[in-house]
C-alpha atoms as a PDB file:
ATOM      1  CA  MET A   1    -135.781 -47.364   0.849  1.00  0.00           C
ATOM      2  CA  SER A   2    -131.809 -46.940   1.437  1.00  0.00           C
ATOM      3  CA  ILE A   3    -129.172 -47.593  -1.192  1.00  0.00           C
ATOM      4  CA  PHE A   4    -128.201 -49.941   1.768  1.00  0.00           C
ATOM      5  CA  SER A   5    -131.201 -51.280   1.746  1.00  0.00           C
ATOM      6  CA  LYS A   6    -130.267 -54.370  -0.069  1.00  0.00           C
ATOM      7  CA  PHE A   7    -126.450 -54.979   1.689  1.00  0.00           C
ATOM      8  CA  PHE A   8    -127.634 -55.389   4.945  1.00  0.00           C
ATOM      9  CA  SER A   9    -130.169 -57.040   6.500  1.00  0.00           C
ATOM     10  CA  SER A  10    -131.702 -58.049  10.183  1.00  0.00           C
ATOM     11  CA  LYS A  11    -131.697 -60.908  10.556  1.00  0.00           C
ATOM     12  CA  GLY A  12    -128.933 -62.465  12.625  1.00  0.00           C
ATOM     13  CA  GLY A  13    -125.616 -64.397  12.047  1.00  0.00           C
ATOM     14  CA  ALA A  14    -122.293 -63.137  10.969  1.00  0.00           C
ATOM     15  CA  LYS A  15    -122.308 -60.733   8.148  1.00  0.00           C
ATOM     16  CA  PRO A  16    -120.841 -61.868   4.680  1.00  0.00           C
ATOM     17  CA  PRO A  17    -118.637 -59.538   3.437  1.00  0.00           C
ATOM     18  CA  VAL A  18    -119.933 -56.730   1.455  1.00  0.00           C
ATOM     19  CA  GLU A  19    -119.583 -55.038  -1.840  1.00  0.00           C
ATOM     20  CA  PHE A  20    -120.442 -51.193  -1.209  1.00  0.00           C
ATOM     21  CA  PRO A  21    -121.515 -48.666  -3.943  1.00  0.00           C
ATOM     22  CA  ALA A  22    -118.336 -47.924  -5.433  1.00  0.00           C
ATOM     23  CA  GLU A  23    -119.645 -43.653  -5.426  1.00  0.00           C
ATOM     24  CA  ALA A  24    -119.900 -44.020  -1.759  1.00  0.00           C
ATOM     25  CA  CYS A  25    -117.777 -41.540  -0.039  1.00  0.00           C
ATOM     26  CA  LEU A  26    -116.177 -43.010   3.643  1.00  0.00           C
ATOM     27  CA  ILE A  27    -115.602 -40.496   6.048  1.00  0.00           C
ATOM     28  CA  ASP A  28    -113.811 -41.161   9.275  1.00  0.00           C
ATOM     29  CA  VAL A  29    -115.483 -38.731  12.463  1.00  0.00           C
ATOM     30  CA  ARG A  30    -112.384 -39.468  14.744  1.00  0.00           C
ATOM     31  CA  SER A  31    -110.440 -36.989  15.229  1.00  0.00           C
ATOM     32  CA  PRO A  32    -107.413 -35.884  12.912  1.00  0.00           C
ATOM     33  CA  GLU A  33    -104.842 -37.573  15.638  1.00  0.00           C
ATOM     34  CA  GLU A  34    -106.792 -40.272  15.965  1.00  0.00           C
ATOM     35  CA  TYR A  35    -107.029 -40.719  11.693  1.00  0.00           C
ATOM     36  CA  ALA A  36    -102.917 -40.158  11.086  1.00  0.00           C
ATOM     37  CA  HIS A  37    -102.624 -42.922  13.551  1.00  0.00           C
ATOM     38  CA  GLY A  38    -104.273 -45.147  11.378  1.00  0.00           C
ATOM     39  CA  HIS A  39    -107.486 -45.012   9.218  1.00  0.00           C
ATOM     40  CA  ILE A  40    -109.087 -47.198   6.306  1.00  0.00           C
ATOM     41  CA  GLU A  41    -107.790 -46.255   2.956  1.00  0.00           C
ATOM     42  CA  GLY A  42    -110.399 -44.029   0.806  1.00  0.00           C
ATOM     43  CA  ALA A  43    -111.180 -42.110   3.652  1.00  0.00           C
ATOM     44  CA  VAL A  44    -111.785 -38.824   4.295  1.00  0.00           C
ATOM     45  CA  ASN A  45    -111.526 -37.369   8.163  1.00  0.00           C
ATOM     46  CA  ILE A  46    -114.240 -34.502   9.080  1.00  0.00           C
ATOM     47  CA  PRO A  47    -114.490 -35.198  12.542  1.00  0.00           C
ATOM     48  CA  LEU A  48    -117.557 -35.210  14.233  1.00  0.00           C
ATOM     49  CA  ASN A  49    -116.856 -32.281  15.827  1.00  0.00           C
ATOM     50  CA  VAL A  50    -116.874 -30.167  12.710  1.00  0.00           C
ATOM     51  CA  LEU A  51    -118.877 -31.937  10.540  1.00  0.00           C
ATOM     52  CA  ASN A  52    -121.895 -29.448  10.724  1.00  0.00           C
ATOM     53  CA  GLN A  53    -119.401 -27.023   9.451  1.00  0.00           C
ATOM     54  CA  MET A  54    -117.454 -28.961   6.488  1.00  0.00           C
ATOM     55  CA  ILE A  55    -119.771 -31.488   5.517  1.00  0.00           C
ATOM     56  CA  ASP A  56    -121.483 -29.380   2.452  1.00  0.00           C
ATOM     57  CA  LYS A  57    -118.354 -28.435   1.264  1.00  0.00           C
ATOM     58  CA  THR A  58    -116.479 -31.795   1.531  1.00  0.00           C
ATOM     59  CA  ILE A  59    -119.654 -33.477   0.197  1.00  0.00           C
ATOM     60  CA  PRO A  60    -122.119 -31.109  -1.637  1.00  0.00           C
ATOM     61  CA  ASP A  61    -124.745 -33.933  -2.903  1.00  0.00           C
ATOM     62  CA  HIS A  62    -127.603 -35.466  -0.332  1.00  0.00           C
ATOM     63  CA  ASN A  63    -127.715 -38.172  -2.290  1.00  0.00           C
ATOM     64  CA  THR A  64    -124.000 -39.444  -2.146  1.00  0.00           C
ATOM     65  CA  PRO A  65    -123.565 -42.512  -0.515  1.00  0.00           C
ATOM     66  CA  LEU A  66    -122.038 -42.141   2.729  1.00  0.00           C
ATOM     67  CA  ILE A  67    -120.187 -44.729   5.332  1.00  0.00           C
ATOM     68  CA  LEU A  68    -119.401 -43.179   8.414  1.00  0.00           C
ATOM     69  CA  CYS A  69    -116.990 -45.100  10.307  1.00  0.00           C
ATOM     70  CA  CYS A  70    -114.920 -43.922  13.993  1.00  0.00           C
ATOM     71  CA  ARG A  71    -113.230 -46.273  16.264  1.00  0.00           C
ATOM     72  CA  SER A  72    -115.895 -48.526  17.836  1.00  0.00           C
ATOM     73  CA  GLY A  73    -119.074 -46.861  16.254  1.00  0.00           C
ATOM     74  CA  MET A  74    -120.559 -44.847  18.789  1.00  0.00           C
ATOM     75  CA  ARG A  75    -119.256 -41.095  16.863  1.00  0.00           C
ATOM     76  CA  SER A  76    -120.080 -42.723  13.598  1.00  0.00           C
ATOM     77  CA  SER A  77    -124.203 -43.083  14.817  1.00  0.00           C
ATOM     78  CA  GLN A  78    -124.015 -39.450  15.973  1.00  0.00           C
ATOM     79  CA  ALA A  79    -122.582 -38.398  12.918  1.00  0.00           C
ATOM     80  CA  VAL A  80    -125.680 -40.393  10.976  1.00  0.00           C
ATOM     81  CA  SER A  81    -127.972 -38.856  13.157  1.00  0.00           C
ATOM     82  CA  LEU A  82    -126.469 -35.396  12.738  1.00  0.00           C
ATOM     83  CA  LEU A  83    -126.468 -35.593   8.640  1.00  0.00           C
ATOM     84  CA  ARG A  84    -130.263 -37.012   8.456  1.00  0.00           C
ATOM     85  CA  GLU A  85    -131.355 -33.705  10.154  1.00  0.00           C
ATOM     86  CA  LEU A  86    -129.083 -31.825   6.956  1.00  0.00           C
ATOM     87  CA  GLY A  87    -131.189 -33.931   5.244  1.00  0.00           C
ATOM     88  CA  TYR A  88    -128.139 -36.463   3.617  1.00  0.00           C
ATOM     89  CA  GLN A  89    -130.605 -38.709   2.096  1.00  0.00           C
ATOM     90  CA  ASN A  90    -128.128 -42.368   2.192  1.00  0.00           C
ATOM     91  CA  ILE A  91    -125.457 -43.171   5.087  1.00  0.00           C
ATOM     92  CA  LEU A  92    -124.546 -46.026   6.807  1.00  0.00           C
ATOM     93  CA  ASN A  93    -122.984 -46.164  10.227  1.00  0.00           C
ATOM     94  CA  GLY A  94    -119.816 -48.660   9.630  1.00  0.00           C
ATOM     95  CA  GLY A  95    -119.020 -48.502  12.841  1.00  0.00           C
ATOM     96  CA  GLY A  96    -115.980 -49.469  14.149  1.00  0.00           C
ATOM     97  CA  LEU A  97    -112.995 -48.889  11.383  1.00  0.00           C
ATOM     98  CA  HIS A  98    -110.795 -52.101  11.703  1.00  0.00           C
ATOM     99  CA  GLY A  99    -114.062 -54.075  11.491  1.00  0.00           C
ATOM    100  CA  LEU A 100    -115.913 -52.110   8.477  1.00  0.00           C
ATOM    101  CA  ALA A 101    -111.695 -51.981   7.088  1.00  0.00           C
ATOM    102  CA  GLN A 102    -112.316 -56.222   7.172  1.00  0.00           C
ATOM    103  CA  GLN A 103    -115.814 -56.169   5.234  1.00  0.00           C
ATOM    104  CA  MET A 104    -115.092 -53.490   2.978  1.00  0.00           C
ATOM    105  CA  ASN A 105    -111.473 -55.267   1.691  1.00  0.00           C
ATOM    106  CA  LYS A 106    -109.611 -52.704   2.640  1.00  0.00           C
ATOM    107  CA  ARG A 107    -106.145 -51.791   4.556  1.00  0.00           C
ATOM    108  CA  ILE A 108    -105.579 -49.687   8.217  1.00  0.00           C
ATOM    109  CA  GLN A 109    -102.648 -47.168   6.687  1.00  0.00           C
ATOM    110  CA  ALA A 110    -101.165 -44.620   8.841  1.00  0.00           C
ATOM    111  CA  LYS A 111    -101.273 -40.794   7.396  1.00  0.00           C
ATOM    112  CA  GLN A 112     -97.837 -40.169   5.351  1.00  0.00           C
END
């Protein structure tokens, strides 16, 4: 059972606002250009196409809770699979950045 299992259930209906673990790292797997146009405050940009080369340098602890997002949830789903293969344990596909930002009660901001 992962750290995220207590935050999400498989029951239908609207998702209530969620409080994510404070130590969770938010990773945006979109391209640098997409990230620059708008990302969730505090998100780290590691594009899907370089995730396998960059993740150990960025997040060396495989037990760190990770929340992944992209535009729609498709790339973040692929990233979850890749990270599991690499041995990361506590991973959540946060889906699209707009929905995740709303759930996390965080702003979407442009790169400065």
